[in-house]
Amino acid sequence: MSPNCHFRIRRLKILAALLTPLIAAVFSSVASAADGQGRLVWFGTYTGGRSQSEGIHVSRFDDDTGRLSTVRLAAPAKNPSFLALHPALPVLYAVSETAGSDGRPQGAVVSFRIDPSTGILERQSEQPSGGSGPCHLSVDRSGRVLLAANYGGGSVICLGLEADGSLRPVVPGGFLQHEGSSLNPKRQQGPHGHSIDASPDGRFAISCDLGIDKVLVHGLDTAAATLAPHSAASMAPAAGPRHFALHPNGRFGYVVNELDLTVTACGFDPLAGVLTPLQSLSTLPDGVSDREGFSTAEIAVHPNGQTVYASNRGHDSIASFVIDAPTGRLSFLGCEPIRGKTPRHFAIDPSGRHLLAAGQHSDTVTVFAIDPNSGRMRFTGQSIDVPSPVCVLFHPSR
């Protein structure tokens, strides 16, 4: 064998020794997600039409590497477009758009038992949502009630929960019909309930209504599973409030307005149950003049309370804002492209280190690392295929 051959073989051995640990680490991280390691994460989807989805999908997420395992179907469901977890029980809830016996669309809420080892879901119970187009739901911290908002019906509902997490029928006083309209002739002819969240103490339910440009604070009785009108905060005309995120300190709240692409910072009096708007900022950088087809969708506060994030559809980005701790007011930090299309939803993992952005029209979920000090996002290069993803829901524990 020639000296040159000996040299080449030696060089290949050195290269193999250097690459082997790297290759092993990559396959180990992928395997760990596939063999039950990592945090469960579910994806709500739209089904039918162009979508290839059959329902709710599940994956495993590794907080350390930012990797997601290949998704699989967790449970068949029709248009499970928003998901929520029970705070103490292995139960997951989903909205669903179904057809009634008279052929008219009506809404439903479904509960599923979770297999904690796989994330696979078993249908447990179902109740009508009280209106068409249910698009959002949440569970109060005590686990006594589930709240849901009906976009088409312009209403909200409160359902009591049994000891096993299954859904009770609505009781008198558990349903509220919103009233009113606003300026946008196509989107605001009447009320459109778009979200509802319980306050931490369970005394109030905060609901964004896109059709009437108001964020409504309803009185909430978790023992009786009832709602009652309490107060309202008006957004700018034709703003279209969509979703709400409360600051961890409970004194500030943030509204993402779908139609005028803004975020409104509010003060919140948790004793009086009153929201007070403080400022509104654009979710787009200066110089973006062509907004045809643009709208906002989701909003979230980082667990450390220092940054707010909001998603831009059309611009296909996540906007970030720095929070001034004493006042709750915002400063625009920038926009990060999601490397996909139509971010109807995103979620920050419970560790606060990553953000997953759901690209509804690119059939992808992309992973971003978050700098906890600056709040800035960085694309990790990780992306997985999920059919028509429109909601991301992390399990709180690994």
Protein backbone atom coordinates (compact mmCIF):
# COMPACT_ATOMS: atom_id res chain seq x y z
CA MET A 1 0.00 0.00 0.00
CA SER A 2 1.37 3.40 -0.97
CA PRO A 3 2.17 6.13 1.59
CA ASN A 4 -0.64 8.24 0.08
CA CYS A 5 -3.19 5.48 0.77
CA HIS A 6 -1.98 5.16 4.38
CA PHE A 7 -2.36 8.94 4.78
CA ARG A 8 -5.90 8.95 3.34
CA ILE A 9 -7.01 6.07 5.59
CA ARG A 10 -5.58 7.78 8.65
CA ARG A 11 -7.33 11.04 7.73
CA LEU A 12 -10.69 9.22 7.29
CA LYS A 13 -10.29 7.55 10.69
CA ILE A 14 -9.66 10.92 12.35
CA LEU A 15 -12.68 12.44 10.59
CA ALA A 16 -14.87 9.49 11.64
CA ALA A 17 -13.72 9.86 15.25
CA LEU A 18 -14.66 13.52 15.21
CA LEU A 19 -18.07 13.03 13.57
CA THR A 20 -19.22 9.96 15.50
CA PRO A 21 -20.14 11.80 18.73
CA LEU A 22 -22.01 14.47 16.76
CA ILE A 23 -23.97 11.91 14.74
CA ALA A 24 -24.74 9.93 17.89
CA ALA A 25 -26.00 13.07 19.65
CA VAL A 26 -28.33 13.91 16.77
CA PHE A 27 -29.78 10.40 16.63
CA SER A 28 -30.00 10.28 20.42
CA SER A 29 -32.04 13.49 20.56
CA VAL A 30 -34.39 12.24 17.84
CA ALA A 31 -34.70 8.86 19.53
CA SER A 32 -35.33 10.42 22.95
CA ALA A 33 -38.32 12.28 21.53
CA ALA A 34 -39.60 9.15 19.83
CA ASP A 35 -39.20 6.71 22.75
CA GLY A 36 -41.26 8.67 25.26
CA GLN A 37 -38.69 11.19 26.45
CA GLY A 38 -39.46 14.90 26.46
CA ARG A 39 -42.58 16.97 26.99
CA LEU A 40 -45.88 16.07 25.35
CA VAL A 41 -47.22 18.68 22.96
CA TRP A 42 -50.52 18.53 21.09
CA PHE A 43 -51.58 20.30 17.92
CA GLY A 44 -55.16 21.33 17.20
CA THR A 45 -55.99 21.45 13.50
CA TYR A 46 -58.61 22.19 10.90
CA THR A 47 -60.01 19.14 9.15
CA GLY A 48 -61.79 18.79 5.81
CA GLY A 49 -61.34 20.83 2.63
CA ARG A 50 -57.68 21.14 1.65
CA SER A 51 -56.53 19.83 5.02
CA GLN A 52 -55.11 16.34 5.33
CA SER A 53 -55.73 16.31 9.08
CA GLU A 54 -58.10 13.92 10.82
CA GLY A 55 -58.04 15.56 14.24
CA ILE A 56 -55.65 16.26 17.15
CA HIS A 57 -51.98 15.34 16.73
CA VAL A 58 -49.29 14.73 19.33
CA SER A 59 -45.49 14.95 19.48
CA ARG A 60 -42.69 15.00 22.04
CA PHE A 61 -40.61 18.13 22.60
CA ASP A 62 -37.12 18.14 24.08
CA ASP A 63 -36.62 21.35 26.08
CA ASP A 64 -32.85 20.99 25.94
CA THR A 65 -32.35 20.40 22.22
CA GLY A 66 -35.49 22.12 20.90
CA ARG A 67 -36.34 19.03 18.86
CA LEU A 68 -39.80 17.66 18.09
CA SER A 69 -40.56 14.03 17.33
CA THR A 70 -42.59 13.09 14.28
CA VAL A 71 -46.26 13.74 14.96
CA ARG A 72 -48.98 11.14 15.02
CA LEU A 73 -52.74 11.26 15.35
CA ALA A 74 -53.78 11.47 19.00
CA ALA A 75 -57.54 11.38 18.40
CA PRO A 76 -59.91 11.85 15.47
CA ALA A 77 -62.00 15.01 15.81
CA LYS A 78 -63.73 17.51 13.57
CA ASN A 79 -62.05 20.93 13.47
CA PRO A 80 -60.42 20.77 16.92
CA SER A 81 -59.12 24.30 16.42
CA PHE A 82 -58.39 25.18 20.05
CA LEU A 83 -57.20 23.02 22.95
CA ALA A 84 -56.85 23.32 26.72
CA LEU A 85 -55.73 21.11 29.61
CA HIS A 86 -57.29 20.43 33.00
CA PRO A 87 -54.96 21.90 35.65
CA ALA A 88 -54.79 18.71 37.74
CA LEU A 89 -56.27 15.77 35.81
CA PRO A 90 -55.04 13.95 32.67
CA VAL A 91 -57.84 15.46 30.58
CA LEU A 92 -57.63 17.53 27.40
CA TYR A 93 -60.45 19.69 25.99
CA ALA A 94 -61.10 20.74 22.40
CA VAL A 95 -63.65 22.84 20.58
CA SER A 96 -65.34 21.27 17.57
CA GLU A 97 -67.55 22.58 14.78
CA THR A 98 -70.28 20.03 14.18
CA ALA A 99 -73.55 19.82 12.23
CA GLY A 100 -76.81 19.63 14.15
CA SER A 101 -79.75 17.39 13.31
CA ASP A 102 -81.37 20.29 11.46
CA GLY A 103 -78.30 20.66 9.25
CA ARG A 104 -77.31 24.03 10.67
CA PRO A 105 -73.80 24.42 12.05
CA GLN A 106 -73.53 24.37 15.79
CA GLY A 107 -70.63 24.10 18.18
CA ALA A 108 -69.45 21.49 20.64
CA VAL A 109 -66.84 21.04 23.33
CA VAL A 110 -65.23 17.62 23.77
CA SER A 111 -63.15 16.17 26.60
CA PHE A 112 -60.52 13.44 26.18
CA ARG A 113 -58.66 11.25 28.66
CA ILE A 114 -54.89 11.42 28.15
CA ASP A 115 -52.64 8.37 28.07
CA PRO A 116 -49.67 9.97 29.88
CA SER A 117 -47.14 7.58 28.35
CA THR A 118 -48.08 8.29 24.74
CA GLY A 119 -50.28 11.41 24.66
CA ILE A 120 -52.95 9.44 22.80
CA LEU A 121 -56.47 10.65 23.61
CA GLU A 122 -59.66 8.73 24.40
CA ARG A 123 -62.95 10.57 23.96
CA GLN A 124 -64.61 11.09 27.33
CA SER A 125 -67.58 13.49 27.06
CA GLU A 126 -69.17 16.11 24.82
CA GLN A 127 -71.50 19.08 25.33
CA PRO A 128 -72.93 21.74 22.97
CA SER A 129 -71.08 25.06 23.11
CA GLY A 130 -74.33 27.02 22.91
CA GLY A 131 -73.53 28.71 19.61
CA SER A 132 -71.89 28.29 16.21
CA GLY A 133 -68.18 28.50 15.54
CA PRO A 134 -66.61 27.85 18.96
CA CYS A 135 -63.04 29.11 18.53
CA HIS A 136 -61.50 29.31 22.01
CA LEU A 137 -61.74 27.59 25.38
CA SER A 138 -59.96 27.58 28.72
CA VAL A 139 -60.21 25.97 32.16
CA ASP A 140 -60.07 27.94 35.42
CA ARG A 141 -57.18 27.26 37.80
CA SER A 142 -59.36 25.33 40.26
CA GLY A 143 -60.48 22.93 37.54
CA ARG A 144 -64.15 23.51 38.34
CA VAL A 145 -65.33 25.04 35.06
CA LEU A 146 -64.58 25.23 31.36
CA LEU A 147 -65.16 28.49 29.46
CA ALA A 148 -65.73 28.70 25.70
CA ALA A 149 -66.29 31.51 23.17
CA ASN A 150 -68.51 31.18 20.08
CA TYR A 151 -67.37 33.34 17.17
CA GLY A 152 -70.37 32.73 14.94
CA GLY A 153 -72.87 32.90 17.76
CA GLY A 154 -71.32 35.95 19.43
CA SER A 155 -71.64 34.33 22.84
CA VAL A 156 -69.74 32.70 25.69
CA ILE A 157 -70.54 29.70 27.87
CA CYS A 158 -69.47 28.24 31.21
CA LEU A 159 -69.67 24.47 31.76
CA GLY A 160 -69.15 22.76 35.09
CA LEU A 161 -66.68 19.89 35.34
CA GLU A 162 -67.19 16.57 37.11
CA ALA A 163 -64.62 15.09 39.50
CA ASP A 164 -63.12 13.11 36.61
CA GLY A 165 -62.94 16.20 34.38
CA SER A 166 -65.89 15.32 32.17
CA LEU A 167 -68.26 18.05 31.02
CA ARG A 168 -71.58 18.83 32.67
CA PRO A 169 -74.50 20.36 30.72
CA VAL A 170 -74.88 24.13 30.86
CA VAL A 171 -77.04 25.38 33.74
CA PRO A 172 -79.29 28.49 33.79
CA GLY A 173 -76.93 31.46 33.96
CA GLY A 174 -74.10 29.55 32.32
CA PHE A 175 -74.61 31.15 28.89
CA LEU A 176 -74.17 34.82 27.92
CA GLN A 177 -75.14 36.35 24.58
CA HIS A 178 -73.06 39.41 23.65
CA GLU A 179 -74.81 42.35 21.99
CA GLY A 180 -73.74 45.19 19.67
CA SER A 181 -71.81 45.91 16.49
CA SER A 182 -69.02 48.17 15.21
CA LEU A 183 -67.59 49.86 12.12
CA ASN A 184 -66.19 47.12 9.88
CA PRO A 185 -69.05 46.22 7.50
CA LYS A 186 -67.73 42.71 6.76
CA ARG A 187 -66.60 41.60 10.20
CA GLN A 188 -68.53 43.63 12.75
CA GLN A 189 -72.21 43.49 11.87
CA GLY A 190 -72.79 41.78 15.21
CA PRO A 191 -70.92 40.25 18.16
CA HIS A 192 -68.19 37.65 17.63
CA GLY A 193 -66.87 36.13 20.85
CA HIS A 194 -63.24 35.23 20.18
CA SER A 195 -61.75 34.23 23.52
CA ILE A 196 -62.53 33.83 27.21
CA ASP A 197 -60.12 33.32 30.13
CA ALA A 198 -60.71 33.12 33.88
CA SER A 199 -58.85 35.49 36.20
CA PRO A 200 -56.37 33.73 38.52
CA ASP A 201 -58.72 33.95 41.51
CA GLY A 202 -61.67 32.62 39.50
CA ARG A 203 -63.89 35.63 40.20
CA PHE A 204 -63.96 36.98 36.65
CA ALA A 205 -63.90 35.79 33.03
CA ILE A 206 -62.24 38.10 30.49
CA SER A 207 -63.69 37.82 26.98
CA CYS A 208 -62.56 39.50 23.75
CA ASP A 209 -65.40 40.21 21.30
CA LEU A 210 -64.12 41.09 17.83
CA GLY A 211 -67.52 42.21 16.54
CA ILE A 212 -68.20 44.93 19.12
CA ASP A 213 -64.63 46.18 19.82
CA LYS A 214 -64.88 45.40 23.51
CA VAL A 215 -63.06 43.30 26.06
CA LEU A 216 -65.79 42.22 28.44
CA VAL A 217 -65.19 41.27 32.06
CA HIS A 218 -67.90 38.89 33.25
CA GLY A 219 -68.52 37.87 36.82
CA LEU A 220 -67.69 34.17 37.25
CA ASP A 221 -69.07 31.78 39.86
CA THR A 222 -67.03 28.59 39.56
CA ALA A 223 -69.13 26.74 42.15
CA ALA A 224 -72.39 27.41 40.30
CA ALA A 225 -70.81 27.42 36.78
CA THR A 226 -72.47 30.74 35.89
CA LEU A 227 -71.52 34.04 34.22
CA ALA A 228 -72.88 37.56 34.71
CA PRO A 229 -72.11 40.89 32.94
CA HIS A 230 -69.72 43.00 35.02
CA SER A 231 -67.64 45.61 33.13
CA ALA A 232 -66.25 46.38 29.66
CA ALA A 233 -63.17 48.05 28.15
CA SER A 234 -63.51 49.61 24.70
CA MET A 235 -60.80 49.15 22.11
CA ALA A 236 -60.30 51.54 19.17
CA PRO A 237 -63.14 51.51 16.60
CA ALA A 238 -62.66 48.62 14.13
CA ALA A 239 -59.72 47.25 16.14
CA GLY A 240 -61.28 43.78 16.46
CA PRO A 241 -60.03 42.42 19.83
CA ARG A 242 -59.24 38.72 19.46
CA HIS A 243 -57.19 37.22 22.31
CA PHE A 244 -56.07 38.35 25.77
CA ALA A 245 -52.99 37.53 27.86
CA LEU A 246 -52.67 38.42 31.54
CA HIS A 247 -49.28 39.40 32.95
CA PRO A 248 -47.91 37.03 35.63
CA ASN A 249 -48.26 39.81 38.22
CA GLY A 250 -52.01 40.01 37.53
CA ARG A 251 -51.95 43.82 37.25
CA PHE A 252 -51.56 44.15 33.48
CA GLY A 253 -53.21 42.54 30.48
CA TYR A 254 -52.54 42.59 26.74
CA VAL A 255 -55.07 42.43 23.90
CA VAL A 256 -54.19 41.49 20.33
CA ASN A 257 -56.52 43.28 17.88
CA GLU A 258 -57.06 41.27 14.72
CA LEU A 259 -58.40 43.92 12.33
CA ASP A 260 -56.11 46.92 12.92
CA LEU A 261 -52.98 44.83 13.73
CA THR A 262 -52.26 46.30 17.14
CA VAL A 263 -51.59 45.21 20.69
CA THR A 264 -53.29 47.16 23.48
CA ALA A 265 -51.69 47.23 26.93
CA CYS A 266 -54.19 47.50 29.79
CA GLY A 267 -54.10 47.92 33.50
CA PHE A 268 -56.19 45.37 35.39
CA ASP A 269 -57.73 45.85 38.82
CA PRO A 270 -58.16 42.25 40.04
CA LEU A 271 -60.38 43.26 42.97
CA ALA A 272 -62.76 45.49 41.00
CA GLY A 273 -62.58 43.41 37.82
CA VAL A 274 -61.89 46.44 35.61
CA LEU A 275 -59.57 46.75 32.58
CA THR A 276 -58.17 50.17 31.65
CA PRO A 277 -56.50 50.60 28.22
CA LEU A 278 -53.07 52.29 28.47
CA GLN A 279 -51.62 52.31 24.93
CA SER A 280 -51.84 50.58 21.54
CA LEU A 281 -48.88 49.74 19.30
CA SER A 282 -48.65 48.29 15.80
CA THR A 283 -47.52 44.67 15.47
CA LEU A 284 -45.70 45.51 12.22
CA PRO A 285 -42.40 47.31 11.63
CA ASP A 286 -42.44 50.87 10.31
CA GLY A 287 -42.65 51.02 6.55
CA VAL A 288 -45.04 48.09 6.03
CA SER A 289 -47.70 49.96 4.11
CA ASP A 290 -49.37 47.16 2.12
CA ARG A 291 -51.44 45.27 4.70
CA GLU A 292 -53.94 43.68 2.33
CA GLY A 293 -54.91 40.30 3.74
CA PHE A 294 -52.98 40.85 6.98
CA SER A 295 -54.39 40.14 10.45
CA THR A 296 -53.13 39.27 13.90
CA ALA A 297 -54.00 36.09 15.78
CA GLU A 298 -52.34 34.98 19.04
CA ILE A 299 -50.74 36.79 22.00
CA ALA A 300 -48.66 35.52 24.93
CA VAL A 301 -46.60 36.94 27.78
CA HIS A 302 -43.26 35.28 28.49
CA PRO A 303 -43.27 33.43 31.84
CA ASN A 304 -40.64 35.86 33.18
CA GLY A 305 -43.03 38.77 32.55
CA GLN A 306 -40.55 40.78 30.48
CA THR A 307 -41.81 40.30 26.90
CA VAL A 308 -45.08 40.09 24.96
CA TYR A 309 -45.36 38.18 21.67
CA ALA A 310 -48.08 38.46 19.00
CA SER A 311 -48.50 36.72 15.64
CA ASN A 312 -49.02 38.41 12.26
CA ARG A 313 -50.82 36.49 9.52
CA GLY A 314 -49.97 37.65 6.01
CA HIS A 315 -46.73 39.18 7.26
CA ASP A 316 -46.11 35.67 8.67
CA SER A 317 -44.12 36.78 11.65
CA ILE A 318 -44.07 36.96 15.44
CA ALA A 319 -43.86 40.50 16.84
CA SER A 320 -42.19 41.03 20.20
CA PHE A 321 -42.54 43.86 22.72
CA VAL A 322 -40.56 44.69 25.85
CA ILE A 323 -42.66 45.34 28.95
CA ASP A 324 -41.88 48.26 31.24
CA ALA A 325 -42.15 46.61 34.66
CA PRO A 326 -43.53 49.56 36.67
CA THR A 327 -46.17 50.68 34.15
CA GLY A 328 -46.91 47.64 31.98
CA ARG A 329 -46.46 49.74 28.85
CA LEU A 330 -44.76 48.29 25.77
CA SER A 331 -41.85 49.08 23.46
CA PHE A 332 -41.67 47.40 20.05
CA LEU A 333 -38.70 45.03 19.81
CA GLY A 334 -39.08 43.62 16.30
CA CYS A 335 -40.60 40.89 14.11
CA GLU A 336 -39.24 37.42 13.41
CA PRO A 337 -40.42 35.50 10.31
CA ILE A 338 -41.90 32.11 11.21
CA ARG A 339 -40.44 30.36 8.13
CA GLY A 340 -43.95 29.23 7.31
CA LYS A 341 -47.35 30.64 6.40
CA THR A 342 -50.24 31.96 8.50
CA PRO A 343 -49.27 31.77 12.19
CA ARG A 344 -52.77 31.45 13.62
CA HIS A 345 -51.27 30.26 16.90
CA PHE A 346 -47.99 29.83 18.75
CA ALA A 347 -46.99 28.80 22.25
CA ILE A 348 -44.04 29.31 24.59
CA ASP A 349 -42.85 26.10 26.27
CA PRO A 350 -43.16 26.07 30.09
CA SER A 351 -39.40 26.42 30.52
CA GLY A 352 -39.57 29.73 28.64
CA ARG A 353 -36.68 28.74 26.38
CA HIS A 354 -38.55 28.02 23.14
CA LEU A 355 -41.49 29.18 21.06
CA LEU A 356 -43.35 26.94 18.61
CA ALA A 357 -45.11 28.69 15.71
CA ALA A 358 -47.92 26.90 13.88
CA GLY A 359 -48.04 27.64 10.15
CA GLN A 360 -51.64 26.89 9.21
CA HIS A 361 -51.14 27.19 5.45
CA SER A 362 -47.62 25.76 5.26
CA ASP A 363 -48.53 22.64 7.30
CA THR A 364 -45.52 23.20 9.53
CA VAL A 365 -44.54 23.90 13.12
CA THR A 366 -41.25 25.77 13.50
CA VAL A 367 -39.08 26.06 16.60
CA PHE A 368 -37.46 29.25 17.93
CA ALA A 369 -35.10 29.75 20.84
CA ILE A 370 -35.87 32.70 23.14
CA ASP A 371 -33.17 34.79 24.81
CA PRO A 372 -34.69 35.28 28.29
CA ASN A 373 -32.76 38.50 28.86
CA SER A 374 -33.54 40.37 25.64
CA GLY A 375 -36.71 38.51 24.66
CA ARG A 376 -35.42 38.11 21.11
CA MET A 377 -36.23 35.00 19.08
CA ARG A 378 -33.80 32.91 17.03
CA PHE A 379 -34.84 30.27 14.50
CA THR A 380 -33.28 26.93 15.50
CA GLY A 381 -33.56 25.37 12.05
CA GLN A 382 -36.05 22.86 13.43
CA SER A 383 -39.36 22.35 11.63
CA ILE A 384 -41.81 19.45 11.47
CA ASP A 385 -44.78 18.64 9.27
CA VAL A 386 -48.22 18.98 10.87
CA PRO A 387 -51.38 19.14 8.74
CA SER A 388 -53.21 22.50 9.09
CA PRO A 389 -51.94 23.30 12.62
CA VAL A 390 -53.91 26.05 14.38
CA CYS A 391 -53.19 25.45 18.08
CA VAL A 392 -50.12 24.39 20.10
CA LEU A 393 -50.59 23.00 23.62
CA PHE A 394 -47.72 21.95 25.88
CA HIS A 395 -48.04 19.58 28.80
CA PRO A 396 -46.77 21.49 31.86
CA SER A 397 -44.41 18.71 33.03
CA ARG A 398 -41.73 16.71 31.25
